[in-house]
Amino acid sequence: MKTELSFFGNWEDSSSIGTIRAFIVLIPITISAFIINYNLFPKASLNNKLISSFFIAIFLVSVIGVQNSISLEPTVTYGALSFLVIYSCITISLWLTKKYKIIKLIQSVLIATIFGALNGILIYYTGPTFKYLE
């Protein structure tokens, strides 16, 4: 399996298509991040959960939005792996604080991986394709 990433291929891809793809997945990714944060930090305030979810979503949108959606399988795999890597880094940092149970952290990473795959499906079916691929 092989995929391509497009970083500023041309002005149209970067300004319009990349922006559209980012807006398509921004809300679902923010909701996904909020659900995971809700699971990880049940005692945190709603405001803190929303703010952290939004910032995590910005990072994830930046990662998932640059992938060229040539076929479904690599798009879903890339989405799942993107979420897996980012949430693994977050949960490893939390685990090192020794305040969280490992089972809850593993559960969060698994949920994040599933959400990543679902967001990959969403961007494949709804996102515009970069012009140089057509």
N, C-alpha and C. Protein backbone atom coordinates (compact mmCIF):
# COMPACT_ATOMS: atom_id res chain seq x y z
N MET A 1 0.85 -1.17 0.00
CA MET A 1 0.00 0.00 0.00
C MET A 1 0.90 1.23 0.00
N LYS A 2 0.47 2.21 -0.75
CA LYS A 2 1.26 3.41 -0.92
C LYS A 2 0.32 4.62 -0.93
N THR A 3 0.79 5.73 -0.41
CA THR A 3 -0.01 6.95 -0.43
C THR A 3 0.89 8.14 -0.72
N GLU A 4 0.28 9.26 -1.03
CA GLU A 4 1.03 10.48 -1.31
C GLU A 4 0.53 11.58 -0.40
N LEU A 5 1.45 12.46 -0.05
CA LEU A 5 1.11 13.65 0.72
C LEU A 5 1.36 14.87 -0.16
N SER A 6 0.54 15.87 -0.05
CA SER A 6 0.69 17.06 -0.87
C SER A 6 0.85 18.28 0.03
N PHE A 7 2.07 18.79 0.09
CA PHE A 7 2.35 20.00 0.84
C PHE A 7 2.52 21.14 -0.14
N PHE A 8 1.53 21.97 -0.26
CA PHE A 8 1.61 23.16 -1.11
C PHE A 8 1.99 22.80 -2.54
N GLY A 9 1.26 21.87 -3.15
CA GLY A 9 1.52 21.46 -4.53
C GLY A 9 1.42 22.62 -5.50
N ASN A 10 0.36 23.38 -5.42
CA ASN A 10 0.20 24.61 -6.19
C ASN A 10 -0.78 25.50 -5.43
N TRP A 11 -1.00 26.71 -5.92
CA TRP A 11 -1.82 27.67 -5.18
C TRP A 11 -3.24 27.17 -4.99
N GLU A 12 -3.85 26.61 -6.04
CA GLU A 12 -5.24 26.16 -5.93
C GLU A 12 -5.37 25.01 -4.94
N ASP A 13 -4.46 24.05 -4.99
CA ASP A 13 -4.50 22.93 -4.05
C ASP A 13 -4.35 23.42 -2.62
N SER A 14 -3.44 24.35 -2.40
CA SER A 14 -3.16 24.81 -1.05
C SER A 14 -4.26 25.71 -0.51
N SER A 15 -4.70 26.66 -1.32
CA SER A 15 -5.62 27.67 -0.80
C SER A 15 -7.07 27.21 -0.75
N SER A 16 -7.55 26.58 -1.79
CA SER A 16 -8.97 26.25 -1.78
C SER A 16 -9.23 24.79 -1.42
N ILE A 17 -8.60 23.86 -2.10
CA ILE A 17 -8.90 22.45 -1.86
C ILE A 17 -8.42 22.02 -0.48
N GLY A 18 -7.22 22.41 -0.10
CA GLY A 18 -6.72 22.06 1.23
C GLY A 18 -7.58 22.64 2.34
N THR A 19 -8.04 23.87 2.14
CA THR A 19 -8.90 24.51 3.13
C THR A 19 -10.25 23.81 3.23
N ILE A 20 -10.82 23.45 2.11
CA ILE A 20 -12.10 22.73 2.11
C ILE A 20 -11.96 21.40 2.82
N ARG A 21 -10.90 20.66 2.49
CA ARG A 21 -10.68 19.37 3.14
C ARG A 21 -10.51 19.54 4.65
N ALA A 22 -9.84 20.61 5.06
CA ALA A 22 -9.64 20.86 6.49
C ALA A 22 -10.98 21.15 7.18
N PHE A 23 -11.82 21.98 6.56
CA PHE A 23 -13.10 22.30 7.17
C PHE A 23 -14.04 21.10 7.22
N ILE A 24 -13.94 20.22 6.24
CA ILE A 24 -14.80 19.03 6.23
C ILE A 24 -14.53 18.16 7.45
N VAL A 25 -13.28 18.00 7.83
CA VAL A 25 -12.96 17.11 8.95
C VAL A 25 -12.73 17.82 10.28
N LEU A 26 -12.74 19.14 10.30
CA LEU A 26 -12.48 19.85 11.55
C LEU A 26 -13.51 19.53 12.64
N ILE A 27 -14.78 19.61 12.32
CA ILE A 27 -15.82 19.34 13.32
C ILE A 27 -15.80 17.87 13.76
N PRO A 28 -15.80 16.89 12.83
CA PRO A 28 -15.75 15.50 13.30
C PRO A 28 -14.49 15.17 14.11
N ILE A 29 -13.35 15.74 13.73
CA ILE A 29 -12.12 15.47 14.48
C ILE A 29 -12.19 16.14 15.85
N THR A 30 -12.76 17.34 15.93
CA THR A 30 -12.90 17.99 17.23
C THR A 30 -13.82 17.18 18.14
N ILE A 31 -14.91 16.66 17.57
CA ILE A 31 -15.81 15.81 18.36
C ILE A 31 -15.10 14.54 18.80
N SER A 32 -14.33 13.93 17.89
CA SER A 32 -13.57 12.73 18.24
C SER A 32 -12.59 13.02 19.38
N ALA A 33 -11.86 14.13 19.26
CA ALA A 33 -10.90 14.50 20.29
C ALA A 33 -11.60 14.77 21.62
N PHE A 34 -12.78 15.39 21.57
CA PHE A 34 -13.52 15.68 22.80
C PHE A 34 -13.95 14.38 23.48
N ILE A 35 -14.42 13.41 22.71
CA ILE A 35 -14.83 12.12 23.29
C ILE A 35 -13.64 11.44 23.96
N ILE A 36 -12.50 11.46 23.29
CA ILE A 36 -11.31 10.83 23.86
C ILE A 36 -10.85 11.59 25.11
N ASN A 37 -10.85 12.92 25.05
CA ASN A 37 -10.47 13.72 26.22
C ASN A 37 -11.45 13.52 27.37
N TYR A 38 -12.72 13.35 27.05
CA TYR A 38 -13.72 13.10 28.08
C TYR A 38 -13.42 11.79 28.80
N ASN A 39 -12.98 10.79 28.02
CA ASN A 39 -12.61 9.50 28.60
C ASN A 39 -11.33 9.62 29.44
N LEU A 40 -10.35 10.35 28.94
CA LEU A 40 -9.07 10.46 29.65
C LEU A 40 -9.14 11.35 30.88
N PHE A 41 -9.88 12.44 30.78
CA PHE A 41 -9.89 13.45 31.85
C PHE A 41 -11.31 13.70 32.36
N PRO A 42 -11.92 12.74 33.03
CA PRO A 42 -13.31 12.92 33.46
C PRO A 42 -13.50 14.05 34.47
N LYS A 43 -12.45 14.40 35.21
CA LYS A 43 -12.59 15.44 36.24
C LYS A 43 -12.25 16.84 35.72
N ALA A 44 -11.71 16.94 34.51
CA ALA A 44 -11.36 18.25 33.96
C ALA A 44 -12.62 19.04 33.64
N SER A 45 -12.49 20.34 33.65
CA SER A 45 -13.65 21.19 33.35
C SER A 45 -14.02 21.05 31.87
N LEU A 46 -15.27 21.34 31.58
CA LEU A 46 -15.75 21.27 30.20
C LEU A 46 -14.97 22.22 29.31
N ASN A 47 -14.68 23.41 29.82
CA ASN A 47 -13.93 24.40 29.06
C ASN A 47 -12.54 23.87 28.69
N ASN A 48 -11.84 23.25 29.64
CA ASN A 48 -10.51 22.70 29.37
C ASN A 48 -10.59 21.57 28.35
N LYS A 49 -11.62 20.73 28.44
CA LYS A 49 -11.78 19.63 27.48
C LYS A 49 -12.02 20.18 26.08
N LEU A 50 -12.84 21.21 25.96
CA LEU A 50 -13.13 21.80 24.65
C LEU A 50 -11.89 22.46 24.04
N ILE A 51 -11.17 23.21 24.85
CA ILE A 51 -9.98 23.91 24.34
C ILE A 51 -8.92 22.90 23.91
N SER A 52 -8.63 21.91 24.74
CA SER A 52 -7.62 20.92 24.37
C SER A 52 -8.07 20.10 23.17
N SER A 53 -9.35 19.80 23.08
CA SER A 53 -9.87 19.06 21.92
C SER A 53 -9.68 19.86 20.64
N PHE A 54 -9.93 21.15 20.71
CA PHE A 54 -9.78 21.99 19.53
C PHE A 54 -8.32 22.04 19.07
N PHE A 55 -7.39 22.19 20.00
CA PHE A 55 -5.98 22.25 19.61
C PHE A 55 -5.48 20.91 19.05
N ILE A 56 -5.91 19.82 19.67
CA ILE A 56 -5.55 18.51 19.13
C ILE A 56 -6.14 18.34 17.74
N ALA A 57 -7.37 18.81 17.56
CA ALA A 57 -8.03 18.70 16.25
C ALA A 57 -7.27 19.50 15.19
N ILE A 58 -6.76 20.66 15.53
CA ILE A 58 -5.98 21.45 14.57
C ILE A 58 -4.76 20.66 14.10
N PHE A 59 -4.06 20.01 15.03
CA PHE A 59 -2.91 19.19 14.65
C PHE A 59 -3.33 18.03 13.76
N LEU A 60 -4.40 17.35 14.12
CA LEU A 60 -4.86 16.20 13.36
C LEU A 60 -5.36 16.59 11.97
N VAL A 61 -6.05 17.73 11.88
CA VAL A 61 -6.51 18.21 10.57
C VAL A 61 -5.31 18.52 9.68
N SER A 62 -4.28 19.09 10.27
CA SER A 62 -3.07 19.39 9.50
C SER A 62 -2.43 18.12 8.96
N VAL A 63 -2.49 17.07 9.73
CA VAL A 63 -1.89 15.80 9.31
C VAL A 63 -2.75 15.10 8.27
N ILE A 64 -4.03 14.99 8.54
CA ILE A 64 -4.90 14.18 7.69
C ILE A 64 -5.31 14.91 6.41
N GLY A 65 -5.30 16.24 6.44
CA GLY A 65 -5.74 17.02 5.28
C GLY A 65 -4.78 17.03 4.11
N VAL A 66 -3.53 16.67 4.32
CA VAL A 66 -2.55 16.73 3.23
C VAL A 66 -2.44 15.43 2.45
N GLN A 67 -3.15 14.41 2.89
CA GLN A 67 -3.06 13.13 2.21
C GLN A 67 -3.91 13.13 0.96
N ASN A 68 -3.35 12.62 -0.13
CA ASN A 68 -4.08 12.52 -1.39
C ASN A 68 -4.96 11.28 -1.36
N SER A 69 -6.25 11.49 -1.48
CA SER A 69 -7.21 10.40 -1.38
C SER A 69 -7.37 9.69 -2.72
N ILE A 70 -6.43 8.83 -3.04
CA ILE A 70 -6.46 8.11 -4.31
C ILE A 70 -7.40 6.91 -4.23
N SER A 71 -7.34 6.18 -3.14
CA SER A 71 -8.25 5.06 -2.93
C SER A 71 -8.59 4.97 -1.45
N LEU A 72 -9.61 4.21 -1.14
CA LEU A 72 -10.13 4.17 0.23
C LEU A 72 -9.16 3.53 1.22
N GLU A 73 -8.57 2.41 0.87
CA GLU A 73 -7.73 1.68 1.82
C GLU A 73 -6.56 2.51 2.37
N PRO A 74 -5.75 3.15 1.52
CA PRO A 74 -4.66 3.95 2.09
C PRO A 74 -5.15 5.18 2.85
N THR A 75 -6.29 5.73 2.45
CA THR A 75 -6.82 6.90 3.15
C THR A 75 -7.26 6.53 4.56
N VAL A 76 -7.93 5.41 4.70
CA VAL A 76 -8.37 4.95 6.02
C VAL A 76 -7.17 4.56 6.87
N THR A 77 -6.21 3.88 6.28
CA THR A 77 -5.01 3.47 7.01
C THR A 77 -4.23 4.68 7.49
N TYR A 78 -4.06 5.67 6.63
CA TYR A 78 -3.32 6.87 7.00
C TYR A 78 -4.05 7.63 8.12
N GLY A 79 -5.37 7.73 8.03
CA GLY A 79 -6.14 8.39 9.09
C GLY A 79 -5.98 7.67 10.42
N ALA A 80 -6.11 6.35 10.39
CA ALA A 80 -5.98 5.56 11.63
C ALA A 80 -4.57 5.68 12.21
N LEU A 81 -3.56 5.59 11.36
CA LEU A 81 -2.18 5.68 11.85
C LEU A 81 -1.85 7.07 12.38
N SER A 82 -2.41 8.10 11.75
CA SER A 82 -2.18 9.47 12.23
C SER A 82 -2.71 9.65 13.64
N PHE A 83 -3.93 9.20 13.87
CA PHE A 83 -4.52 9.30 15.20
C PHE A 83 -3.77 8.41 16.18
N LEU A 84 -3.39 7.23 15.74
CA LEU A 84 -2.66 6.31 16.61
C LEU A 84 -1.36 6.93 17.10
N VAL A 85 -0.60 7.52 16.21
CA VAL A 85 0.70 8.10 16.58
C VAL A 85 0.51 9.29 17.51
N ILE A 86 -0.37 10.20 17.17
CA ILE A 86 -0.53 11.41 17.99
C ILE A 86 -1.08 11.06 19.36
N TYR A 87 -2.10 10.20 19.43
CA TYR A 87 -2.65 9.85 20.74
C TYR A 87 -1.71 8.94 21.52
N SER A 88 -0.89 8.17 20.85
CA SER A 88 0.11 7.37 21.57
C SER A 88 1.11 8.29 22.27
N CYS A 89 1.53 9.34 21.58
CA CYS A 89 2.45 10.30 22.21
C CYS A 89 1.80 10.97 23.42
N ILE A 90 0.54 11.35 23.28
CA ILE A 90 -0.17 11.98 24.39
C ILE A 90 -0.29 11.02 25.57
N THR A 91 -0.70 9.79 25.29
CA THR A 91 -0.93 8.85 26.39
C THR A 91 0.38 8.37 27.03
N ILE A 92 1.45 8.28 26.27
CA ILE A 92 2.75 7.93 26.87
C ILE A 92 3.17 9.04 27.84
N SER A 93 2.96 10.28 27.44
CA SER A 93 3.28 11.40 28.33
C SER A 93 2.44 11.33 29.60
N LEU A 94 1.17 11.00 29.45
CA LEU A 94 0.30 10.88 30.63
C LEU A 94 0.71 9.70 31.50
N TRP A 95 1.09 8.59 30.87
CA TRP A 95 1.50 7.41 31.62
C TRP A 95 2.74 7.70 32.47
N LEU A 96 3.64 8.51 31.92
CA LEU A 96 4.86 8.85 32.66
C LEU A 96 4.56 9.66 33.92
N THR A 97 3.43 10.33 33.97
CA THR A 97 3.07 11.07 35.18
C THR A 97 2.59 10.15 36.29
N LYS A 98 2.30 8.90 35.94
CA LYS A 98 1.85 7.86 36.88
C LYS A 98 0.53 8.21 37.56
N LYS A 99 -0.27 9.07 36.92
CA LYS A 99 -1.57 9.42 37.47
C LYS A 99 -2.72 8.69 36.77
N TYR A 100 -2.41 7.97 35.71
CA TYR A 100 -3.46 7.34 34.91
C TYR A 100 -3.22 5.84 34.80
N LYS A 101 -4.29 5.10 34.81
CA LYS A 101 -4.19 3.65 34.66
C LYS A 101 -3.90 3.31 33.21
N ILE A 102 -3.02 2.34 33.02
CA ILE A 102 -2.59 1.97 31.67
C ILE A 102 -3.76 1.47 30.83
N ILE A 103 -4.72 0.81 31.42
CA ILE A 103 -5.85 0.28 30.65
C ILE A 103 -6.68 1.42 30.06
N LYS A 104 -6.83 2.50 30.81
CA LYS A 104 -7.58 3.66 30.31
C LYS A 104 -6.83 4.33 29.16
N LEU A 105 -5.52 4.37 29.26
CA LEU A 105 -4.71 4.97 28.20
C LEU A 105 -4.76 4.12 26.93
N ILE A 106 -4.66 2.82 27.09
CA ILE A 106 -4.74 1.92 25.92
C ILE A 106 -6.11 2.03 25.28
N GLN A 107 -7.14 2.07 26.10
CA GLN A 107 -8.51 2.22 25.59
C GLN A 107 -8.63 3.52 24.78
N SER A 108 -8.06 4.60 25.25
CA SER A 108 -8.12 5.88 24.53
C SER A 108 -7.40 5.81 23.20
N VAL A 109 -6.26 5.15 23.16
CA VAL A 109 -5.52 5.02 21.90
C VAL A 109 -6.32 4.18 20.90
N LEU A 110 -6.95 3.12 21.37
CA LEU A 110 -7.77 2.29 20.47
C LEU A 110 -8.96 3.07 19.94
N ILE A 111 -9.61 3.82 20.80
CA ILE A 111 -10.74 4.65 20.36
C ILE A 111 -10.25 5.69 19.35
N ALA A 112 -9.12 6.30 19.61
CA ALA A 112 -8.56 7.30 18.69
C ALA A 112 -8.25 6.68 17.33
N THR A 113 -7.72 5.48 17.32
CA THR A 113 -7.40 4.80 16.05
C THR A 113 -8.67 4.55 15.25
N ILE A 114 -9.73 4.15 15.90
CA ILE A 114 -11.01 3.93 15.21
C ILE A 114 -11.55 5.25 14.68
N PHE A 115 -11.49 6.30 15.48
CA PHE A 115 -11.94 7.61 15.01
C PHE A 115 -11.10 8.09 13.82
N GLY A 116 -9.81 7.81 13.85
CA GLY A 116 -8.95 8.19 12.73
C GLY A 116 -9.37 7.50 11.44
N ALA A 117 -9.69 6.22 11.53
CA ALA A 117 -10.16 5.48 10.36
C ALA A 117 -11.48 6.05 9.86
N LEU A 118 -12.39 6.36 10.77
CA LEU A 118 -13.68 6.92 10.38
C LEU A 118 -13.51 8.30 9.72
N ASN A 119 -12.61 9.11 10.25
CA ASN A 119 -12.35 10.42 9.63
C ASN A 119 -11.67 10.27 8.28
N GLY A 120 -10.86 9.22 8.11
CA GLY A 120 -10.28 8.94 6.80
C GLY A 120 -11.36 8.60 5.79
N ILE A 121 -12.33 7.81 6.21
CA ILE A 121 -13.46 7.49 5.32
C ILE A 121 -14.23 8.76 4.96
N LEU A 122 -14.46 9.61 5.95
CA LEU A 122 -15.18 10.85 5.72
C LEU A 122 -14.47 11.73 4.69
N ILE A 123 -13.17 11.91 4.85
CA ILE A 123 -12.46 12.78 3.92
C ILE A 123 -12.35 12.15 2.54
N TYR A 124 -12.31 10.83 2.47
CA TYR A 124 -12.25 10.16 1.16
C TYR A 124 -13.54 10.40 0.37
N TYR A 125 -14.67 10.26 1.04
CA TYR A 125 -15.95 10.36 0.33
C TYR A 125 -16.47 11.78 0.16
N THR A 126 -16.04 12.71 1.01
CA THR A 126 -16.57 14.07 0.92
C THR A 126 -15.55 15.11 0.49
N GLY A 127 -14.28 14.82 0.66
CA GLY A 127 -13.26 15.82 0.38
C GLY A 127 -12.94 15.93 -1.10
N PRO A 128 -12.66 17.14 -1.59
CA PRO A 128 -12.25 17.28 -2.98
C PRO A 128 -10.86 16.70 -3.20
N THR A 129 -10.58 16.33 -4.42
CA THR A 129 -9.29 15.77 -4.78
C THR A 129 -8.36 16.88 -5.25
N PHE A 130 -7.10 16.76 -4.94
CA PHE A 130 -6.14 17.74 -5.42
C PHE A 130 -6.12 17.70 -6.95
N LYS A 131 -6.07 18.87 -7.57
CA LYS A 131 -6.22 19.00 -9.03
C LYS A 131 -5.19 18.22 -9.81
N TYR A 132 -3.97 18.15 -9.34
CA TYR A 132 -2.95 17.47 -10.13
C TYR A 132 -3.16 15.97 -10.18
N LEU A 133 -4.08 15.44 -9.37
CA LEU A 133 -4.39 14.01 -9.42
C LEU A 133 -5.44 13.67 -10.45
N GLU A 134 -6.19 14.67 -10.92
CA GLU A 134 -7.28 14.41 -11.85
C GLU A 134 -6.78 14.25 -13.27
